[in-house]
Amino acid sequence: MADASTTAKKTVTIVQTGSPIGRRADQEATLKGLGLNKLHRRRILEDTPSVRGMINKVQHLVRVESEG
């Protein structure tokens, strides 16, 4: 049986701070892929390389609040 520390996934909390209006379509699609579609929406996502890449692509529209 695995203990809780090895099965716990790392997470990252992100908040949408900017609007996708007037941005490229791929940036709007990336926000939707992250589960964000309105200002100040907060999502807790698994910290994976693909999620980090998506955050990096729209870093001017989101804020990373906590990692852990």
C-alpha atoms as a PDB file:
ATOM      1  CA  MET A   1       0.000   0.000   0.000  1.00  0.00           C
ATOM      2  CA  ALA A   2       1.437   3.383  -1.025  1.00  0.00           C
ATOM      3  CA  ASP A   3       1.513   6.161   1.524  1.00  0.00           C
ATOM      4  CA  ALA A   4      -0.255   9.478   0.914  1.00  0.00           C
ATOM      5  CA  SER A   5       2.919  11.442   0.153  1.00  0.00           C
ATOM      6  CA  THR A   6       3.783   9.364  -2.910  1.00  0.00           C
ATOM      7  CA  THR A   7       0.261   9.369  -4.338  1.00  0.00           C
ATOM      8  CA  ALA A   8      -0.409  13.083  -3.772  1.00  0.00           C
ATOM      9  CA  LYS A   9      -0.261  14.995  -7.033  1.00  0.00           C
ATOM     10  CA  LYS A  10       1.338  18.402  -7.281  1.00  0.00           C
ATOM     11  CA  THR A  11      -1.144  21.128  -8.133  1.00  0.00           C
ATOM     12  CA  VAL A  12      -1.070  24.688  -9.349  1.00  0.00           C
ATOM     13  CA  THR A  13      -3.775  27.329  -8.765  1.00  0.00           C
ATOM     14  CA  ILE A  14      -4.350  29.815 -11.557  1.00  0.00           C
ATOM     15  CA  VAL A  15      -6.670  32.820 -11.819  1.00  0.00           C
ATOM     16  CA  GLN A  16      -7.739  34.532 -15.044  1.00  0.00           C
ATOM     17  CA  THR A  17      -6.810  38.224 -14.910  1.00  0.00           C
ATOM     18  CA  GLY A  18      -7.205  39.264 -18.552  1.00  0.00           C
ATOM     19  CA  SER A  19      -9.856  39.032 -21.227  1.00  0.00           C
ATOM     20  CA  PRO A  20      -9.344  36.994 -24.404  1.00  0.00           C
ATOM     21  CA  ILE A  21     -11.270  39.626 -26.402  1.00  0.00           C
ATOM     22  CA  GLY A  22      -9.022  40.922 -29.153  1.00  0.00           C
ATOM     23  CA  ARG A  23      -6.472  38.147 -28.631  1.00  0.00           C
ATOM     24  CA  ARG A  24      -5.522  35.425 -31.067  1.00  0.00           C
ATOM     25  CA  ALA A  25      -7.932  32.498 -31.326  1.00  0.00           C
ATOM     26  CA  ASP A  26      -5.325  30.042 -30.023  1.00  0.00           C
ATOM     27  CA  GLN A  27      -4.944  32.045 -26.802  1.00  0.00           C
ATOM     28  CA  GLU A  28      -8.702  31.990 -26.248  1.00  0.00           C
ATOM     29  CA  ALA A  29      -8.724  28.240 -26.881  1.00  0.00           C
ATOM     30  CA  THR A  30      -5.863  27.779 -24.408  1.00  0.00           C
ATOM     31  CA  LEU A  31      -7.820  29.603 -21.698  1.00  0.00           C
ATOM     32  CA  LYS A  32     -10.813  27.363 -22.372  1.00  0.00           C
ATOM     33  CA  GLY A  33      -8.516  24.330 -22.209  1.00  0.00           C
ATOM     34  CA  LEU A  34      -7.385  25.463 -18.767  1.00  0.00           C
ATOM     35  CA  GLY A  35     -11.026  25.746 -17.699  1.00  0.00           C
ATOM     36  CA  LEU A  36     -11.049  29.539 -17.611  1.00  0.00           C
ATOM     37  CA  ASN A  37     -13.666  31.595 -19.423  1.00  0.00           C
ATOM     38  CA  LYS A  38     -14.457  34.596 -17.210  1.00  0.00           C
ATOM     39  CA  LEU A  39     -12.346  37.070 -15.275  1.00  0.00           C
ATOM     40  CA  HIS A  40     -11.321  36.068 -11.761  1.00  0.00           C
ATOM     41  CA  ARG A  41     -12.184  32.399 -12.308  1.00  0.00           C
ATOM     42  CA  ARG A  42      -9.917  30.167 -10.241  1.00  0.00           C
ATOM     43  CA  ARG A  43      -8.845  26.642 -11.178  1.00  0.00           C
ATOM     44  CA  ILE A  44      -6.714  24.107  -9.359  1.00  0.00           C
ATOM     45  CA  LEU A  45      -4.954  21.930 -11.936  1.00  0.00           C
ATOM     46  CA  GLU A  46      -2.447  19.110 -11.827  1.00  0.00           C
ATOM     47  CA  ASP A  47       1.085  20.447 -12.281  1.00  0.00           C
ATOM     48  CA  THR A  48       2.181  18.744 -15.500  1.00  0.00           C
ATOM     49  CA  PRO A  49       4.457  19.911 -18.310  1.00  0.00           C
ATOM     50  CA  SER A  50       1.478  20.328 -20.648  1.00  0.00           C
ATOM     51  CA  VAL A  51      -0.396  22.518 -18.151  1.00  0.00           C
ATOM     52  CA  ARG A  52       2.764  24.552 -17.543  1.00  0.00           C
ATOM     53  CA  GLY A  53       3.111  25.079 -21.304  1.00  0.00           C
ATOM     54  CA  MET A  54      -0.483  26.276 -21.541  1.00  0.00           C
ATOM     55  CA  ILE A  55       0.064  28.680 -18.628  1.00  0.00           C
ATOM     56  CA  ASN A  56       3.221  29.982 -20.295  1.00  0.00           C
ATOM     57  CA  LYS A  57       1.324  30.623 -23.532  1.00  0.00           C
ATOM     58  CA  VAL A  58      -1.251  32.846 -21.798  1.00  0.00           C
ATOM     59  CA  GLN A  59       0.912  34.124 -18.950  1.00  0.00           C
ATOM     60  CA  HIS A  60      -0.199  37.703 -19.681  1.00  0.00           C
ATOM     61  CA  LEU A  61      -3.843  36.692 -19.060  1.00  0.00           C
ATOM     62  CA  VAL A  62      -3.465  34.553 -15.921  1.00  0.00           C
ATOM     63  CA  ARG A  63      -1.859  34.713 -12.476  1.00  0.00           C
ATOM     64  CA  VAL A  64      -0.337  31.690 -10.731  1.00  0.00           C
ATOM     65  CA  GLU A  65      -1.415  31.928  -7.107  1.00  0.00           C
ATOM     66  CA  SER A  66       0.027  28.841  -5.498  1.00  0.00           C
ATOM     67  CA  GLU A  67       2.089  25.837  -6.344  1.00  0.00           C
ATOM     68  CA  GLY A  68       2.174  22.787  -4.222  1.00  0.00           C
END
